[in-house]
Amino acid sequence: MKKMVLFLVFVLTLTACKKETDIKPTPALADKFAGSYQLNSFRFTGGGTELDLPTLPVSGNGQSVSGAVTLVKVAGAKLALELVIKATGANDYKLQLENLEVKQIGAEYGLFSNNQRIADVDGTALIFNVSETDPTTKETIAVAFVARR
């Protein structure tokens, strides 16, 4: 759990400045992609911990794991993302990201945090994939998931 919190801190402090000249924020795009998505897969690696759930929801032996992602329009082309993973007998895990910007790149759409593309979205699916390396410890933490409406 501490590794996931550490990852959240990394994501919230991303400072990448990758510039793409054909990126255009459009306020109406936030409306198009806002809504609820069911988590279909989830992967986390970091600090010697690896969690790979290639198919969700999953259940067996009286245990179940499921999840959901909600995109909420904040203002203009900005969205907030909340990921919630539920597991039998455990506290819900929540990851919240604020001020994500929806941008169109050619025929594709992406979610950006501080000009770094962290997800692709098309109205029916959300594909999230972020990895970050701590410059002092050289530890890489990665989170990836797929969610569908």
C-alpha atoms as a PDB file:
ATOM      1  CA  MET A   1       0.000   0.000   0.000  1.00  0.00           C
ATOM      2  CA  LYS A   2       2.884   2.353   0.781  1.00  0.00           C
ATOM      3  CA  LYS A   3       4.254   1.709  -2.714  1.00  0.00           C
ATOM      4  CA  MET A   4       0.944   2.778  -4.246  1.00  0.00           C
ATOM      5  CA  VAL A   5       0.952   5.997  -2.203  1.00  0.00           C
ATOM      6  CA  LEU A   6       4.542   6.633  -3.312  1.00  0.00           C
ATOM      7  CA  PHE A   7       3.452   6.164  -6.909  1.00  0.00           C
ATOM      8  CA  LEU A   8       0.605   8.655  -6.422  1.00  0.00           C
ATOM      9  CA  VAL A   9       3.109  11.222  -5.188  1.00  0.00           C
ATOM     10  CA  PHE A  10       5.218  10.623  -8.305  1.00  0.00           C
ATOM     11  CA  VAL A  11       2.252  10.999 -10.642  1.00  0.00           C
ATOM     12  CA  LEU A  12       1.102  14.186  -8.969  1.00  0.00           C
ATOM     13  CA  THR A  13       4.557  15.725  -9.223  1.00  0.00           C
ATOM     14  CA  LEU A  14       5.277  14.859 -12.824  1.00  0.00           C
ATOM     15  CA  THR A  15       7.231  17.625 -14.440  1.00  0.00           C
ATOM     16  CA  ALA A  16       7.896  16.245 -17.900  1.00  0.00           C
ATOM     17  CA  CYS A  17       7.817  18.923 -20.541  1.00  0.00           C
ATOM     18  CA  LYS A  18       7.377  16.920 -23.719  1.00  0.00           C
ATOM     19  CA  LYS A  19       5.925  19.219 -26.358  1.00  0.00           C
ATOM     20  CA  GLU A  20       3.764  18.060 -29.208  1.00  0.00           C
ATOM     21  CA  THR A  21       2.789  20.856 -31.577  1.00  0.00           C
ATOM     22  CA  ASP A  22      -0.370  19.217 -32.938  1.00  0.00           C
ATOM     23  CA  ILE A  23      -2.039  18.864 -29.503  1.00  0.00           C
ATOM     24  CA  LYS A  24      -5.236  20.868 -29.124  1.00  0.00           C
ATOM     25  CA  PRO A  25      -7.283  21.030 -25.910  1.00  0.00           C
ATOM     26  CA  THR A  26     -11.023  21.148 -26.608  1.00  0.00           C
ATOM     27  CA  PRO A  27     -13.470  21.768 -23.744  1.00  0.00           C
ATOM     28  CA  ALA A  28     -16.228  19.622 -25.307  1.00  0.00           C
ATOM     29  CA  LEU A  29     -13.908  16.608 -25.178  1.00  0.00           C
ATOM     30  CA  ALA A  30     -14.131  16.475 -21.392  1.00  0.00           C
ATOM     31  CA  ASP A  31     -17.903  16.039 -21.713  1.00  0.00           C
ATOM     32  CA  LYS A  32     -17.423  13.256 -24.262  1.00  0.00           C
ATOM     33  CA  PHE A  33     -15.174  11.161 -22.021  1.00  0.00           C
ATOM     34  CA  ALA A  34     -16.584  11.905 -18.557  1.00  0.00           C
ATOM     35  CA  GLY A  35     -18.397   8.990 -16.954  1.00  0.00           C
ATOM     36  CA  SER A  36     -17.928   5.591 -15.330  1.00  0.00           C
ATOM     37  CA  TYR A  37     -15.731   2.802 -16.638  1.00  0.00           C
ATOM     38  CA  GLN A  38     -15.416  -0.783 -15.327  1.00  0.00           C
ATOM     39  CA  LEU A  39     -11.879  -1.927 -14.632  1.00  0.00           C
ATOM     40  CA  ASN A  40     -10.941  -4.836 -16.945  1.00  0.00           C
ATOM     41  CA  SER A  41      -7.271  -5.278 -15.999  1.00  0.00           C
ATOM     42  CA  PHE A  42      -4.761  -3.820 -13.549  1.00  0.00           C
ATOM     43  CA  ARG A  43      -0.989  -4.042 -13.182  1.00  0.00           C
ATOM     44  CA  PHE A  44       1.316  -2.517 -10.556  1.00  0.00           C
ATOM     45  CA  THR A  45       5.059  -2.994 -10.175  1.00  0.00           C
ATOM     46  CA  GLY A  46       7.425  -1.283  -7.800  1.00  0.00           C
ATOM     47  CA  GLY A  47       9.676  -1.863  -4.828  1.00  0.00           C
ATOM     48  CA  GLY A  48       9.747  -5.600  -5.295  1.00  0.00           C
ATOM     49  CA  THR A  49       5.947  -5.740  -5.403  1.00  0.00           C
ATOM     50  CA  GLU A  50       4.192  -6.980  -8.496  1.00  0.00           C
ATOM     51  CA  LEU A  51       0.433  -7.207  -8.832  1.00  0.00           C
ATOM     52  CA  ASP A  52      -0.912  -8.434 -12.164  1.00  0.00           C
ATOM     53  CA  LEU A  53      -4.656  -8.863 -12.614  1.00  0.00           C
ATOM     54  CA  PRO A  54      -5.082  -9.434 -16.376  1.00  0.00           C
ATOM     55  CA  THR A  55      -8.833 -10.025 -16.123  1.00  0.00           C
ATOM     56  CA  LEU A  56     -11.244  -8.202 -13.819  1.00  0.00           C
ATOM     57  CA  PRO A  57     -13.554  -8.765 -12.114  1.00  0.00           C
ATOM     58  CA  VAL A  58     -12.116 -12.009 -10.745  1.00  0.00           C
ATOM     59  CA  SER A  59     -13.441 -14.257  -8.010  1.00  0.00           C
ATOM     60  CA  GLY A  60     -12.653 -17.577  -6.420  1.00  0.00           C
ATOM     61  CA  ASN A  61     -12.484 -19.264  -3.010  1.00  0.00           C
ATOM     62  CA  GLY A  62     -14.913 -16.712  -1.562  1.00  0.00           C
ATOM     63  CA  GLN A  63     -12.693 -13.807  -2.627  1.00  0.00           C
ATOM     64  CA  SER A  64     -13.392 -11.258  -5.335  1.00  0.00           C
ATOM     65  CA  VAL A  65     -11.568  -8.297  -6.832  1.00  0.00           C
ATOM     66  CA  SER A  66     -13.212  -5.645  -8.987  1.00  0.00           C
ATOM     67  CA  GLY A  67     -12.711  -2.026  -9.808  1.00  0.00           C
ATOM     68  CA  ALA A  68     -14.074   1.089 -11.423  1.00  0.00           C
ATOM     69  CA  VAL A  69     -12.721   4.289 -12.888  1.00  0.00           C
ATOM     70  CA  THR A  70     -14.672   7.533 -12.916  1.00  0.00           C
ATOM     71  CA  LEU A  71     -13.793  10.561 -15.027  1.00  0.00           C
ATOM     72  CA  VAL A  72     -15.464  13.762 -13.829  1.00  0.00           C
ATOM     73  CA  LYS A  73     -15.399  17.025 -15.774  1.00  0.00           C
ATOM     74  CA  VAL A  74     -13.841  19.741 -13.634  1.00  0.00           C
ATOM     75  CA  ALA A  75     -13.730  22.745 -15.985  1.00  0.00           C
ATOM     76  CA  GLY A  76     -13.104  23.312 -19.681  1.00  0.00           C
ATOM     77  CA  ALA A  77     -11.055  20.403 -21.020  1.00  0.00           C
ATOM     78  CA  LYS A  78     -10.034  19.276 -17.499  1.00  0.00           C
ATOM     79  CA  LEU A  79     -11.037  15.992 -15.868  1.00  0.00           C
ATOM     80  CA  ALA A  80     -10.483  14.347 -12.495  1.00  0.00           C
ATOM     81  CA  LEU A  81      -9.850  10.586 -12.429  1.00  0.00           C
ATOM     82  CA  GLU A  82     -10.719   8.280  -9.556  1.00  0.00           C
ATOM     83  CA  LEU A  83      -9.709   4.617  -9.608  1.00  0.00           C
ATOM     84  CA  VAL A  84     -11.270   2.366  -6.952  1.00  0.00           C
ATOM     85  CA  ILE A  85     -10.241  -1.275  -6.500  1.00  0.00           C
ATOM     86  CA  LYS A  86     -12.363  -3.436  -4.214  1.00  0.00           C
ATOM     87  CA  ALA A  87     -11.143  -6.738  -2.783  1.00  0.00           C
ATOM     88  CA  THR A  88     -12.988  -9.019  -0.382  1.00  0.00           C
ATOM     89  CA  GLY A  89     -11.658  -8.584   3.138  1.00  0.00           C
ATOM     90  CA  ALA A  90      -9.502  -5.538   2.339  1.00  0.00           C
ATOM     91  CA  ASN A  91      -9.953  -1.792   2.393  1.00  0.00           C
ATOM     92  CA  ASP A  92     -10.769  -0.201  -0.945  1.00  0.00           C
ATOM     93  CA  TYR A  93      -7.739   1.184  -2.760  1.00  0.00           C
ATOM     94  CA  LYS A  94      -8.309   4.632  -4.259  1.00  0.00           C
ATOM     95  CA  LEU A  95      -6.136   6.606  -6.637  1.00  0.00           C
ATOM     96  CA  GLN A  96      -7.182  10.155  -7.494  1.00  0.00           C
ATOM     97  CA  LEU A  97      -5.647  12.373 -10.134  1.00  0.00           C
ATOM     98  CA  GLU A  98      -6.733  15.966 -10.616  1.00  0.00           C
ATOM     99  CA  ASN A  99      -6.497  18.448 -13.484  1.00  0.00           C
ATOM    100  CA  LEU A 100      -6.065  15.952 -16.299  1.00  0.00           C
ATOM    101  CA  GLU A 101      -6.389  17.614 -19.666  1.00  0.00           C
ATOM    102  CA  VAL A 102      -8.076  15.973 -22.648  1.00  0.00           C
ATOM    103  CA  LYS A 103      -6.204  16.654 -25.877  1.00  0.00           C
ATOM    104  CA  GLN A 104      -6.651  15.513 -29.434  1.00  0.00           C
ATOM    105  CA  ILE A 105      -3.560  14.298 -31.272  1.00  0.00           C
ATOM    106  CA  GLY A 106      -4.432  13.586 -34.874  1.00  0.00           C
ATOM    107  CA  ALA A 107      -7.311  11.095 -34.740  1.00  0.00           C
ATOM    108  CA  GLU A 108      -6.521   9.991 -31.163  1.00  0.00           C
ATOM    109  CA  TYR A 109      -7.389  11.435 -27.762  1.00  0.00           C
ATOM    110  CA  GLY A 110      -5.217  11.422 -24.678  1.00  0.00           C
ATOM    111  CA  LEU A 111      -5.293  12.380 -21.030  1.00  0.00           C
ATOM    112  CA  PHE A 112      -2.361  14.546 -20.011  1.00  0.00           C
ATOM    113  CA  SER A 113      -0.891  15.434 -16.635  1.00  0.00           C
ATOM    114  CA  ASN A 114       1.571  18.337 -16.794  1.00  0.00           C
ATOM    115  CA  ASN A 115       2.002  17.780 -20.563  1.00  0.00           C
ATOM    116  CA  GLN A 116       2.810  14.091 -20.093  1.00  0.00           C
ATOM    117  CA  ARG A 117       0.436  11.678 -21.803  1.00  0.00           C
ATOM    118  CA  ILE A 118      -0.727   9.204 -19.180  1.00  0.00           C
ATOM    119  CA  ALA A 119      -3.724   7.588 -20.880  1.00  0.00           C
ATOM    120  CA  ASP A 120      -5.553   7.069 -24.141  1.00  0.00           C
ATOM    121  CA  VAL A 121      -9.317   7.420 -24.234  1.00  0.00           C
ATOM    122  CA  ASP A 122     -11.850   6.910 -27.017  1.00  0.00           C
ATOM    123  CA  GLY A 123     -15.252   7.142 -25.321  1.00  0.00           C
ATOM    124  CA  THR A 124     -15.603   3.394 -24.762  1.00  0.00           C
ATOM    125  CA  ALA A 125     -12.184   2.509 -23.320  1.00  0.00           C
ATOM    126  CA  LEU A 126      -9.574   4.115 -21.091  1.00  0.00           C
ATOM    127  CA  ILE A 127      -6.016   2.783 -21.337  1.00  0.00           C
ATOM    128  CA  PHE A 128      -3.765   4.116 -18.556  1.00  0.00           C
ATOM    129  CA  ASN A 129      -0.024   3.485 -18.468  1.00  0.00           C
ATOM    130  CA  VAL A 130       2.447   5.429 -16.327  1.00  0.00           C
ATOM    131  CA  SER A 131       5.886   4.599 -15.020  1.00  0.00           C
ATOM    132  CA  GLU A 132       8.207   6.825 -13.058  1.00  0.00           C
ATOM    133  CA  THR A 133      11.758   6.319 -11.815  1.00  0.00           C
ATOM    134  CA  ASP A 134      12.830   7.928  -8.561  1.00  0.00           C
ATOM    135  CA  PRO A 135      16.074   9.779  -9.385  1.00  0.00           C
ATOM    136  CA  THR A 136      17.585   9.142  -5.965  1.00  0.00           C
ATOM    137  CA  THR A 137      16.720   5.465  -5.440  1.00  0.00           C
ATOM    138  CA  LYS A 138      16.524   4.511  -9.149  1.00  0.00           C
ATOM    139  CA  GLU A 139      13.377   2.547  -8.259  1.00  0.00           C
ATOM    140  CA  THR A 140      10.768   2.368 -11.020  1.00  0.00           C
ATOM    141  CA  ILE A 141       7.109   2.273 -10.155  1.00  0.00           C
ATOM    142  CA  ALA A 142       4.550   1.497 -12.853  1.00  0.00           C
ATOM    143  CA  VAL A 143       0.763   1.389 -12.955  1.00  0.00           C
ATOM    144  CA  ALA A 144      -1.263   0.290 -15.967  1.00  0.00           C
ATOM    145  CA  PHE A 145      -4.916  -0.518 -16.369  1.00  0.00           C
ATOM    146  CA  VAL A 146      -7.662  -0.862 -18.932  1.00  0.00           C
ATOM    147  CA  ALA A 147     -11.247   0.168 -18.206  1.00  0.00           C
ATOM    148  CA  ARG A 148     -14.334   0.068 -20.441  1.00  0.00           C
ATOM    149  CA  ARG A 149     -17.766   1.679 -20.271  1.00  0.00           C
END
